[in-house]
Amino acid sequence: MGGAFCCPSVDLVLLELDGAYLLQPRSILGLLWLQTHFEPSAWDRIAAGSLRLSAATRQALCRDAQAAGLQLSCLATPLGV
């Protein structure tokens, strides 16, 4: 995953992109937690940081992750990305 685990204080990052949210795990804990919430068919996209979520799915995921004690960061993507 080359650099995906660069921010040890953040477990999951959600990047806003064209009305959807790109989900990127940033810790082993975040990656393992996501595997309990998604079907095995999504795991490769989760590990690659390329899984896109709708706003409603993002909200539910954030509630669950925060209740589990994970640290989240939600960012807007820079223009031109």
N, C-alpha and C. Protein backbone atom coordinates (compact mmCIF):
# COMPACT_ATOMS: atom_id res chain seq x y z
N MET A 1 0.81 -1.19 0.00
CA MET A 1 0.00 0.00 0.00
C MET A 1 0.85 1.25 0.00
N GLY A 2 2.10 1.14 0.04
CA GLY A 2 3.03 2.23 -0.08
C GLY A 2 2.62 3.54 0.55
N GLY A 3 2.89 3.77 1.80
CA GLY A 3 2.61 5.04 2.43
C GLY A 3 1.20 5.19 2.96
N ALA A 4 0.36 4.20 2.78
CA ALA A 4 -1.02 4.31 3.25
C ALA A 4 -1.09 4.42 4.76
N PHE A 5 -0.07 3.95 5.46
CA PHE A 5 -0.09 3.97 6.92
C PHE A 5 0.84 5.05 7.46
N CYS A 6 0.80 6.22 6.83
CA CYS A 6 1.72 7.30 7.21
C CYS A 6 1.24 8.11 8.40
N CYS A 7 -0.03 8.03 8.76
CA CYS A 7 -0.59 8.88 9.80
C CYS A 7 -1.12 8.02 10.94
N PRO A 8 -0.28 7.63 11.89
CA PRO A 8 -0.70 6.68 12.91
C PRO A 8 -1.82 7.18 13.81
N SER A 9 -2.05 8.49 13.89
CA SER A 9 -3.12 8.98 14.76
C SER A 9 -4.49 8.95 14.07
N VAL A 10 -4.52 8.65 12.78
CA VAL A 10 -5.78 8.59 12.03
C VAL A 10 -5.93 7.17 11.50
N ASP A 11 -7.10 6.58 11.76
CA ASP A 11 -7.36 5.22 11.30
C ASP A 11 -8.01 5.18 9.92
N LEU A 12 -8.92 6.12 9.66
CA LEU A 12 -9.62 6.16 8.37
C LEU A 12 -9.67 7.59 7.85
N VAL A 13 -9.46 7.73 6.55
CA VAL A 13 -9.59 9.03 5.89
C VAL A 13 -10.67 8.89 4.83
N LEU A 14 -11.55 9.89 4.78
CA LEU A 14 -12.58 9.96 3.75
C LEU A 14 -12.33 11.22 2.94
N LEU A 15 -12.05 11.04 1.66
CA LEU A 15 -11.79 12.16 0.76
C LEU A 15 -13.03 12.44 -0.08
N GLU A 16 -13.55 13.65 0.01
CA GLU A 16 -14.71 14.02 -0.79
C GLU A 16 -14.28 14.19 -2.24
N LEU A 17 -14.99 13.51 -3.15
CA LEU A 17 -14.61 13.55 -4.56
C LEU A 17 -15.86 13.40 -5.41
N ASP A 18 -16.24 14.46 -6.09
CA ASP A 18 -17.38 14.43 -7.01
C ASP A 18 -18.66 13.90 -6.37
N GLY A 19 -18.99 14.37 -5.19
CA GLY A 19 -20.22 13.97 -4.53
C GLY A 19 -20.17 12.61 -3.84
N ALA A 20 -19.05 11.94 -3.91
CA ALA A 20 -18.87 10.66 -3.23
C ALA A 20 -17.69 10.80 -2.28
N TYR A 21 -17.42 9.75 -1.54
CA TYR A 21 -16.32 9.76 -0.57
C TYR A 21 -15.42 8.57 -0.82
N LEU A 22 -14.15 8.85 -1.02
CA LEU A 22 -13.14 7.81 -1.22
C LEU A 22 -12.64 7.40 0.15
N LEU A 23 -12.77 6.13 0.47
CA LEU A 23 -12.40 5.61 1.79
C LEU A 23 -10.99 5.06 1.76
N GLN A 24 -10.14 5.57 2.65
CA GLN A 24 -8.75 5.14 2.71
C GLN A 24 -8.36 4.76 4.13
N PRO A 25 -8.06 3.49 4.37
CA PRO A 25 -7.57 3.10 5.70
C PRO A 25 -6.16 3.63 5.90
N ARG A 26 -5.86 4.13 7.11
CA ARG A 26 -4.54 4.68 7.41
C ARG A 26 -3.86 3.98 8.56
N SER A 27 -4.48 2.94 9.06
CA SER A 27 -3.85 2.15 10.13
C SER A 27 -4.28 0.71 9.96
N ILE A 28 -3.54 -0.17 10.57
CA ILE A 28 -3.91 -1.59 10.55
C ILE A 28 -5.26 -1.76 11.25
N LEU A 29 -5.47 -1.05 12.35
CA LEU A 29 -6.74 -1.13 13.05
C LEU A 29 -7.89 -0.71 12.13
N GLY A 30 -7.71 0.39 11.40
CA GLY A 30 -8.74 0.84 10.47
C GLY A 30 -9.03 -0.18 9.39
N LEU A 31 -7.98 -0.77 8.85
CA LEU A 31 -8.15 -1.78 7.80
C LEU A 31 -8.88 -3.01 8.33
N LEU A 32 -8.48 -3.49 9.49
CA LEU A 32 -9.14 -4.66 10.07
C LEU A 32 -10.60 -4.36 10.42
N TRP A 33 -10.86 -3.18 10.95
CA TRP A 33 -12.23 -2.80 11.29
C TRP A 33 -13.10 -2.77 10.03
N LEU A 34 -12.57 -2.22 8.95
CA LEU A 34 -13.33 -2.16 7.70
C LEU A 34 -13.67 -3.56 7.18
N GLN A 35 -12.78 -4.51 7.38
CA GLN A 35 -13.05 -5.87 6.91
C GLN A 35 -14.24 -6.49 7.62
N THR A 36 -14.58 -6.00 8.80
CA THR A 36 -15.75 -6.53 9.50
C THR A 36 -17.03 -5.86 9.03
N HIS A 37 -16.93 -4.80 8.24
CA HIS A 37 -18.10 -4.04 7.81
C HIS A 37 -18.41 -4.17 6.32
N PHE A 38 -17.55 -4.82 5.56
CA PHE A 38 -17.76 -4.94 4.12
C PHE A 38 -17.59 -6.39 3.69
N GLU A 39 -18.25 -6.73 2.62
CA GLU A 39 -18.15 -8.07 2.04
C GLU A 39 -16.72 -8.31 1.53
N PRO A 40 -16.29 -9.57 1.50
CA PRO A 40 -14.94 -9.89 0.99
C PRO A 40 -14.69 -9.35 -0.42
N SER A 41 -15.71 -9.23 -1.23
CA SER A 41 -15.52 -8.72 -2.60
C SER A 41 -15.02 -7.27 -2.62
N ALA A 42 -15.19 -6.53 -1.54
CA ALA A 42 -14.75 -5.13 -1.47
C ALA A 42 -13.37 -4.97 -0.85
N TRP A 43 -12.79 -6.03 -0.29
CA TRP A 43 -11.55 -5.91 0.47
C TRP A 43 -10.37 -5.40 -0.35
N ASP A 44 -10.24 -5.84 -1.59
CA ASP A 44 -9.13 -5.35 -2.41
C ASP A 44 -9.23 -3.84 -2.63
N ARG A 45 -10.45 -3.35 -2.89
CA ARG A 45 -10.62 -1.90 -3.07
C ARG A 45 -10.39 -1.16 -1.76
N ILE A 46 -10.78 -1.76 -0.64
CA ILE A 46 -10.53 -1.14 0.66
C ILE A 46 -9.02 -1.02 0.89
N ALA A 47 -8.30 -2.11 0.69
CA ALA A 47 -6.84 -2.11 0.91
C ALA A 47 -6.13 -1.13 -0.01
N ALA A 48 -6.65 -0.95 -1.23
CA ALA A 48 -6.05 -0.03 -2.19
C ALA A 48 -6.47 1.42 -1.94
N GLY A 49 -7.44 1.62 -1.04
CA GLY A 49 -7.92 2.98 -0.77
C GLY A 49 -8.77 3.53 -1.89
N SER A 50 -9.44 2.66 -2.63
CA SER A 50 -10.21 3.12 -3.80
C SER A 50 -11.71 2.84 -3.69
N LEU A 51 -12.19 2.50 -2.50
CA LEU A 51 -13.62 2.25 -2.33
C LEU A 51 -14.35 3.58 -2.18
N ARG A 52 -15.39 3.79 -3.00
CA ARG A 52 -16.18 5.02 -2.94
C ARG A 52 -17.48 4.76 -2.20
N LEU A 53 -17.86 5.73 -1.37
CA LEU A 53 -19.08 5.64 -0.58
C LEU A 53 -20.01 6.80 -0.90
N SER A 54 -21.31 6.57 -0.79
CA SER A 54 -22.28 7.65 -0.90
C SER A 54 -22.25 8.45 0.40
N ALA A 55 -22.88 9.61 0.40
CA ALA A 55 -22.93 10.44 1.61
C ALA A 55 -23.65 9.71 2.73
N ALA A 56 -24.74 9.02 2.42
CA ALA A 56 -25.50 8.31 3.46
C ALA A 56 -24.67 7.16 4.05
N THR A 57 -23.98 6.42 3.20
CA THR A 57 -23.13 5.33 3.68
C THR A 57 -21.98 5.88 4.51
N ARG A 58 -21.41 7.00 4.08
CA ARG A 58 -20.32 7.64 4.83
C ARG A 58 -20.78 8.00 6.23
N GLN A 59 -21.98 8.58 6.35
CA GLN A 59 -22.48 8.98 7.66
C GLN A 59 -22.64 7.78 8.59
N ALA A 60 -23.21 6.71 8.09
CA ALA A 60 -23.40 5.51 8.90
C ALA A 60 -22.05 4.91 9.30
N LEU A 61 -21.12 4.85 8.36
CA LEU A 61 -19.80 4.29 8.63
C LEU A 61 -19.08 5.14 9.67
N CYS A 62 -19.16 6.45 9.55
CA CYS A 62 -18.50 7.33 10.52
C CYS A 62 -19.07 7.15 11.92
N ARG A 63 -20.38 7.04 12.03
CA ARG A 63 -20.99 6.81 13.35
C ARG A 63 -20.47 5.52 13.96
N ASP A 64 -20.47 4.45 13.17
CA ASP A 64 -20.01 3.15 13.68
C ASP A 64 -18.53 3.19 14.05
N ALA A 65 -17.72 3.81 13.19
CA ALA A 65 -16.28 3.86 13.44
C ALA A 65 -15.96 4.67 14.69
N GLN A 66 -16.63 5.81 14.85
CA GLN A 66 -16.39 6.63 16.04
C GLN A 66 -16.85 5.91 17.30
N ALA A 67 -17.98 5.20 17.22
CA ALA A 67 -18.45 4.43 18.37
C ALA A 67 -17.46 3.33 18.75
N ALA A 68 -16.72 2.83 17.76
CA ALA A 68 -15.72 1.79 18.01
C ALA A 68 -14.38 2.37 18.48
N GLY A 69 -14.28 3.70 18.51
CA GLY A 69 -13.06 4.35 18.98
C GLY A 69 -12.04 4.65 17.92
N LEU A 70 -12.39 4.52 16.64
CA LEU A 70 -11.46 4.83 15.57
C LEU A 70 -11.37 6.34 15.38
N GLN A 71 -10.22 6.79 14.90
CA GLN A 71 -10.00 8.20 14.60
C GLN A 71 -10.23 8.41 13.11
N LEU A 72 -11.05 9.41 12.76
CA LEU A 72 -11.42 9.67 11.38
C LEU A 72 -10.99 11.06 10.95
N SER A 73 -10.76 11.18 9.65
CA SER A 73 -10.49 12.48 9.05
C SER A 73 -11.27 12.55 7.75
N CYS A 74 -12.01 13.62 7.56
CA CYS A 74 -12.79 13.80 6.33
C CYS A 74 -12.24 15.04 5.64
N LEU A 75 -11.77 14.88 4.41
CA LEU A 75 -11.10 15.96 3.69
C LEU A 75 -11.75 16.20 2.35
N ALA A 76 -11.71 17.45 1.91
CA ALA A 76 -12.12 17.76 0.54
C ALA A 76 -10.88 17.62 -0.34
N THR A 77 -11.06 17.10 -1.55
CA THR A 77 -9.92 16.94 -2.45
C THR A 77 -9.59 18.29 -3.07
N PRO A 78 -8.32 18.54 -3.37
CA PRO A 78 -7.94 19.79 -4.02
C PRO A 78 -8.52 19.84 -5.43
N LEU A 79 -8.74 21.04 -5.92
CA LEU A 79 -9.23 21.20 -7.29
C LEU A 79 -8.25 20.59 -8.28
N GLY A 80 -8.78 19.97 -9.30
CA GLY A 80 -7.94 19.40 -10.33
C GLY A 80 -7.53 17.97 -10.07
N VAL A 81 -7.97 17.39 -8.97
CA VAL A 81 -7.60 16.00 -8.67
C VAL A 81 -8.67 15.07 -9.19
